[in-house]
Amino acid sequence: MTAACYASLVPELSCSDFQTSLAFYTDKLGFEVMHGRPENGFAYIALGKAQIMLEQSNGFWSTGELQKPFGRGINFQILVNDVEQLYERVVSQSIPIFANLETSWYRIDQSEHGQREFLLQDPDGYLLRFSEDIGDRPIS
């Protein structure tokens, strides 16, 4: 992967069990491994234009004790082309849903931006919000 392919912001998630997290993201959610060092517990993964790094927790970047659920206070919005298809994939695998698929409207200046979205937690508790853009409308 060339430097031009990297997103400007890529979260690196510490994992309590790297292999479990990698399988969750790739096998269950459909992310692809762009590159990695599995022998060192590291993978750079992508779903569409969204990119995430997974790393076996090793204390190197730690700013404090990790306690589950990891990532408290943050959710990662991941834009996808077909959120309903992904939602059905997740439900069919009995992955627990944090927030069911719904349409949400967010005010931006003098209009509202619409998204179809649902949320789930990964094996370490990171909150993932999968969203699909449905356009804008006047404020109702």
C-alpha atoms as a PDB file:
ATOM      1  CA  MET A   1       0.000   0.000   0.000  1.00  0.00           C
ATOM      2  CA  THR A   2       1.405   3.374  -0.941  1.00  0.00           C
ATOM      3  CA  ALA A   3       1.383   6.397   1.342  1.00  0.00           C
ATOM      4  CA  ALA A   4      -1.290   7.983  -0.881  1.00  0.00           C
ATOM      5  CA  CYS A   5      -3.686   5.170   0.098  1.00  0.00           C
ATOM      6  CA  TYR A   6      -3.536   5.873   3.820  1.00  0.00           C
ATOM      7  CA  ALA A   7      -6.364   7.815   5.440  1.00  0.00           C
ATOM      8  CA  SER A   8      -5.455  11.033   7.226  1.00  0.00           C
ATOM      9  CA  LEU A   9      -6.716   9.686  10.550  1.00  0.00           C
ATOM     10  CA  VAL A  10      -6.408   5.991  11.397  1.00  0.00           C
ATOM     11  CA  PRO A  11      -7.211   4.755  14.907  1.00  0.00           C
ATOM     12  CA  GLU A  12      -4.999   2.004  16.301  1.00  0.00           C
ATOM     13  CA  LEU A  13      -7.001  -0.206  18.628  1.00  0.00           C
ATOM     14  CA  SER A  14      -5.302  -2.186  21.381  1.00  0.00           C
ATOM     15  CA  CYS A  15      -6.739  -5.700  21.497  1.00  0.00           C
ATOM     16  CA  SER A  16      -6.836  -8.136  24.396  1.00  0.00           C
ATOM     17  CA  ASP A  17      -6.704 -11.025  21.878  1.00  0.00           C
ATOM     18  CA  PHE A  18      -5.385  -9.961  18.473  1.00  0.00           C
ATOM     19  CA  GLN A  19      -6.474 -13.118  16.610  1.00  0.00           C
ATOM     20  CA  THR A  20     -10.041 -12.878  17.949  1.00  0.00           C
ATOM     21  CA  SER A  21     -10.276  -9.202  16.959  1.00  0.00           C
ATOM     22  CA  LEU A  22      -8.769  -9.789  13.520  1.00  0.00           C
ATOM     23  CA  ALA A  23     -11.214 -12.631  12.832  1.00  0.00           C
ATOM     24  CA  PHE A  24     -14.127 -10.475  14.034  1.00  0.00           C
ATOM     25  CA  TYR A  25     -13.271  -7.578  11.734  1.00  0.00           C
ATOM     26  CA  THR A  26     -12.361  -9.671   8.677  1.00  0.00           C
ATOM     27  CA  ASP A  27     -14.558 -12.779   8.844  1.00  0.00           C
ATOM     28  CA  LYS A  28     -17.633 -11.283  10.474  1.00  0.00           C
ATOM     29  CA  LEU A  29     -17.642  -7.646   9.270  1.00  0.00           C
ATOM     30  CA  GLY A  30     -15.851  -7.963   5.920  1.00  0.00           C
ATOM     31  CA  PHE A  31     -12.766  -5.799   6.502  1.00  0.00           C
ATOM     32  CA  GLU A  32      -9.724  -6.624   4.359  1.00  0.00           C
ATOM     33  CA  VAL A  33      -6.158  -6.872   5.615  1.00  0.00           C
ATOM     34  CA  MET A  34      -4.147  -4.233   3.765  1.00  0.00           C
ATOM     35  CA  HIS A  35      -0.916  -5.327   5.435  1.00  0.00           C
ATOM     36  CA  GLY A  36       0.188  -6.692   8.732  1.00  0.00           C
ATOM     37  CA  ARG A  37       2.637  -8.460  10.937  1.00  0.00           C
ATOM     38  CA  PRO A  38       0.478 -11.189  12.479  1.00  0.00           C
ATOM     39  CA  GLU A  39       3.510 -12.707  14.189  1.00  0.00           C
ATOM     40  CA  ASN A  40       3.765  -9.417  16.114  1.00  0.00           C
ATOM     41  CA  GLY A  41       0.006  -9.079  16.629  1.00  0.00           C
ATOM     42  CA  PHE A  42      -0.523  -6.218  14.174  1.00  0.00           C
ATOM     43  CA  ALA A  43      -2.798  -5.672  11.151  1.00  0.00           C
ATOM     44  CA  TYR A  44      -3.819  -2.665   9.072  1.00  0.00           C
ATOM     45  CA  ILE A  45      -7.385  -3.291   7.871  1.00  0.00           C
ATOM     46  CA  ALA A  46      -9.903  -1.472   5.690  1.00  0.00           C
ATOM     47  CA  LEU A  47     -13.583  -1.523   4.798  1.00  0.00           C
ATOM     48  CA  GLY A  48     -14.122   0.724   1.808  1.00  0.00           C
ATOM     49  CA  LYS A  49     -12.306   3.954   2.658  1.00  0.00           C
ATOM     50  CA  ALA A  50     -12.383   3.310   6.425  1.00  0.00           C
ATOM     51  CA  GLN A  51      -9.087   2.165   7.904  1.00  0.00           C
ATOM     52  CA  ILE A  52      -8.194   0.791  11.337  1.00  0.00           C
ATOM     53  CA  MET A  53      -5.054  -0.671  12.853  1.00  0.00           C
ATOM     54  CA  LEU A  54      -5.353  -3.566  15.294  1.00  0.00           C
ATOM     55  CA  GLU A  55      -2.561  -4.352  17.717  1.00  0.00           C
ATOM     56  CA  GLN A  56      -2.170  -6.899  20.465  1.00  0.00           C
ATOM     57  CA  SER A  57      -2.124  -4.875  23.686  1.00  0.00           C
ATOM     58  CA  ASN A  58       1.507  -4.663  24.734  1.00  0.00           C
ATOM     59  CA  GLY A  59       1.703  -1.556  26.913  1.00  0.00           C
ATOM     60  CA  PHE A  60       3.836   0.364  24.427  1.00  0.00           C
ATOM     61  CA  TRP A  61       1.266   3.108  23.712  1.00  0.00           C
ATOM     62  CA  SER A  62      -0.632   2.768  26.998  1.00  0.00           C
ATOM     63  CA  THR A  63      -1.576   5.944  28.837  1.00  0.00           C
ATOM     64  CA  GLY A  64      -3.348   4.020  31.572  1.00  0.00           C
ATOM     65  CA  GLU A  65      -4.750   0.652  32.550  1.00  0.00           C
ATOM     66  CA  LEU A  66      -6.981  -0.940  29.906  1.00  0.00           C
ATOM     67  CA  GLN A  67     -10.276  -2.134  31.318  1.00  0.00           C
ATOM     68  CA  LYS A  68     -13.158  -3.490  29.272  1.00  0.00           C
ATOM     69  CA  PRO A  69     -15.037  -2.100  27.562  1.00  0.00           C
ATOM     70  CA  PHE A  70     -12.104  -0.470  25.787  1.00  0.00           C
ATOM     71  CA  GLY A  71     -12.576   2.931  24.169  1.00  0.00           C
ATOM     72  CA  ARG A  72     -15.077   4.244  26.671  1.00  0.00           C
ATOM     73  CA  GLY A  73     -16.432   7.597  25.606  1.00  0.00           C
ATOM     74  CA  ILE A  74     -15.826   7.198  21.882  1.00  0.00           C
ATOM     75  CA  ASN A  75     -17.584   5.619  18.937  1.00  0.00           C
ATOM     76  CA  PHE A  76     -16.084   5.175  15.518  1.00  0.00           C
ATOM     77  CA  GLN A  77     -18.351   6.140  12.635  1.00  0.00           C
ATOM     78  CA  ILE A  78     -17.623   3.924   9.622  1.00  0.00           C
ATOM     79  CA  LEU A  79     -19.312   4.966   6.379  1.00  0.00           C
ATOM     80  CA  VAL A  80     -20.421   2.070   4.181  1.00  0.00           C
ATOM     81  CA  ASN A  81     -22.252   1.859   0.853  1.00  0.00           C
ATOM     82  CA  ASP A  82     -24.983  -0.555   1.999  1.00  0.00           C
ATOM     83  CA  VAL A  83     -25.591  -0.406   5.745  1.00  0.00           C
ATOM     84  CA  GLU A  84     -28.700  -2.607   5.534  1.00  0.00           C
ATOM     85  CA  GLN A  85     -26.732  -5.441   3.931  1.00  0.00           C
ATOM     86  CA  LEU A  86     -24.056  -5.180   6.638  1.00  0.00           C
ATOM     87  CA  TYR A  87     -26.735  -5.058   9.348  1.00  0.00           C
ATOM     88  CA  GLU A  88     -28.319  -8.241   7.979  1.00  0.00           C
ATOM     89  CA  ARG A  89     -24.861  -9.895   7.875  1.00  0.00           C
ATOM     90  CA  VAL A  90     -24.261  -8.962  11.519  1.00  0.00           C
ATOM     91  CA  VAL A  91     -27.712 -10.103  12.680  1.00  0.00           C
ATOM     92  CA  SER A  92     -27.410 -13.410  10.785  1.00  0.00           C
ATOM     93  CA  GLN A  93     -24.219 -14.154  12.741  1.00  0.00           C
ATOM     94  CA  SER A  94     -25.928 -13.369  16.068  1.00  0.00           C
ATOM     95  CA  ILE A  95     -23.501 -10.545  16.807  1.00  0.00           C
ATOM     96  CA  PRO A  96     -25.046  -8.470  19.607  1.00  0.00           C
ATOM     97  CA  ILE A  97     -26.398  -5.124  18.424  1.00  0.00           C
ATOM     98  CA  PHE A  98     -25.785  -2.077  20.625  1.00  0.00           C
ATOM     99  CA  ALA A  99     -28.291   0.119  18.714  1.00  0.00           C
ATOM    100  CA  ASN A 100     -30.598  -1.216  16.001  1.00  0.00           C
ATOM    101  CA  LEU A 101     -30.614   0.061  12.426  1.00  0.00           C
ATOM    102  CA  GLU A 102     -32.454   3.365  12.238  1.00  0.00           C
ATOM    103  CA  THR A 103     -32.579   6.616  10.324  1.00  0.00           C
ATOM    104  CA  SER A 104     -31.044   9.599  12.077  1.00  0.00           C
ATOM    105  CA  TRP A 105     -31.101  13.267  11.076  1.00  0.00           C
ATOM    106  CA  TYR A 106     -28.420  15.683  12.275  1.00  0.00           C
ATOM    107  CA  ARG A 107     -28.775  19.456  11.954  1.00  0.00           C
ATOM    108  CA  ILE A 108     -25.976  21.139  10.026  1.00  0.00           C
ATOM    109  CA  ASP A 109     -26.491  24.883   9.713  1.00  0.00           C
ATOM    110  CA  GLN A 110     -29.889  25.357   8.013  1.00  0.00           C
ATOM    111  CA  SER A 111     -30.429  21.760   6.858  1.00  0.00           C
ATOM    112  CA  GLU A 112     -30.423  18.237   8.233  1.00  0.00           C
ATOM    113  CA  HIS A 113     -28.111  15.437   7.140  1.00  0.00           C
ATOM    114  CA  GLY A 114     -29.557  11.923   7.108  1.00  0.00           C
ATOM    115  CA  GLN A 115     -27.905   8.619   7.862  1.00  0.00           C
ATOM    116  CA  ARG A 116     -29.061   5.027   8.223  1.00  0.00           C
ATOM    117  CA  GLU A 117     -26.958   3.620  11.046  1.00  0.00           C
ATOM    118  CA  PHE A 118     -26.522   0.941  13.668  1.00  0.00           C
ATOM    119  CA  LEU A 119     -23.988   0.321  16.409  1.00  0.00           C
ATOM    120  CA  LEU A 120     -22.219  -2.717  17.788  1.00  0.00           C
ATOM    121  CA  GLN A 121     -19.248  -3.426  20.015  1.00  0.00           C
ATOM    122  CA  ASP A 122     -16.169  -5.340  18.920  1.00  0.00           C
ATOM    123  CA  PRO A 123     -14.723  -8.132  21.125  1.00  0.00           C
ATOM    124  CA  ASP A 124     -12.972  -5.577  23.359  1.00  0.00           C
ATOM    125  CA  GLY A 125     -15.966  -3.267  23.629  1.00  0.00           C
ATOM    126  CA  TYR A 126     -14.959  -0.579  21.114  1.00  0.00           C
ATOM    127  CA  LEU A 127     -18.183   0.998  19.854  1.00  0.00           C
ATOM    128  CA  LEU A 128     -18.576   0.899  16.058  1.00  0.00           C
ATOM    129  CA  ARG A 129     -21.248   2.979  14.305  1.00  0.00           C
ATOM    130  CA  PHE A 130     -21.830   1.810  10.745  1.00  0.00           C
ATOM    131  CA  SER A 131     -23.555   4.512   8.694  1.00  0.00           C
ATOM    132  CA  GLU A 132     -24.832   5.130   5.187  1.00  0.00           C
ATOM    133  CA  ASP A 133     -25.392   8.655   3.887  1.00  0.00           C
ATOM    134  CA  ILE A 134     -29.000   9.258   2.757  1.00  0.00           C
ATOM    135  CA  GLY A 135     -28.676  12.935   1.884  1.00  0.00           C
ATOM    136  CA  ASP A 136     -29.866  16.278   3.173  1.00  0.00           C
ATOM    137  CA  ARG A 137     -33.239  17.877   3.762  1.00  0.00           C
ATOM    138  CA  PRO A 138     -34.539  21.232   4.972  1.00  0.00           C
ATOM    139  CA  ILE A 139     -34.951  21.511   8.723  1.00  0.00           C
ATOM    140  CA  SER A 140     -38.375  20.119   9.587  1.00  0.00           C
END
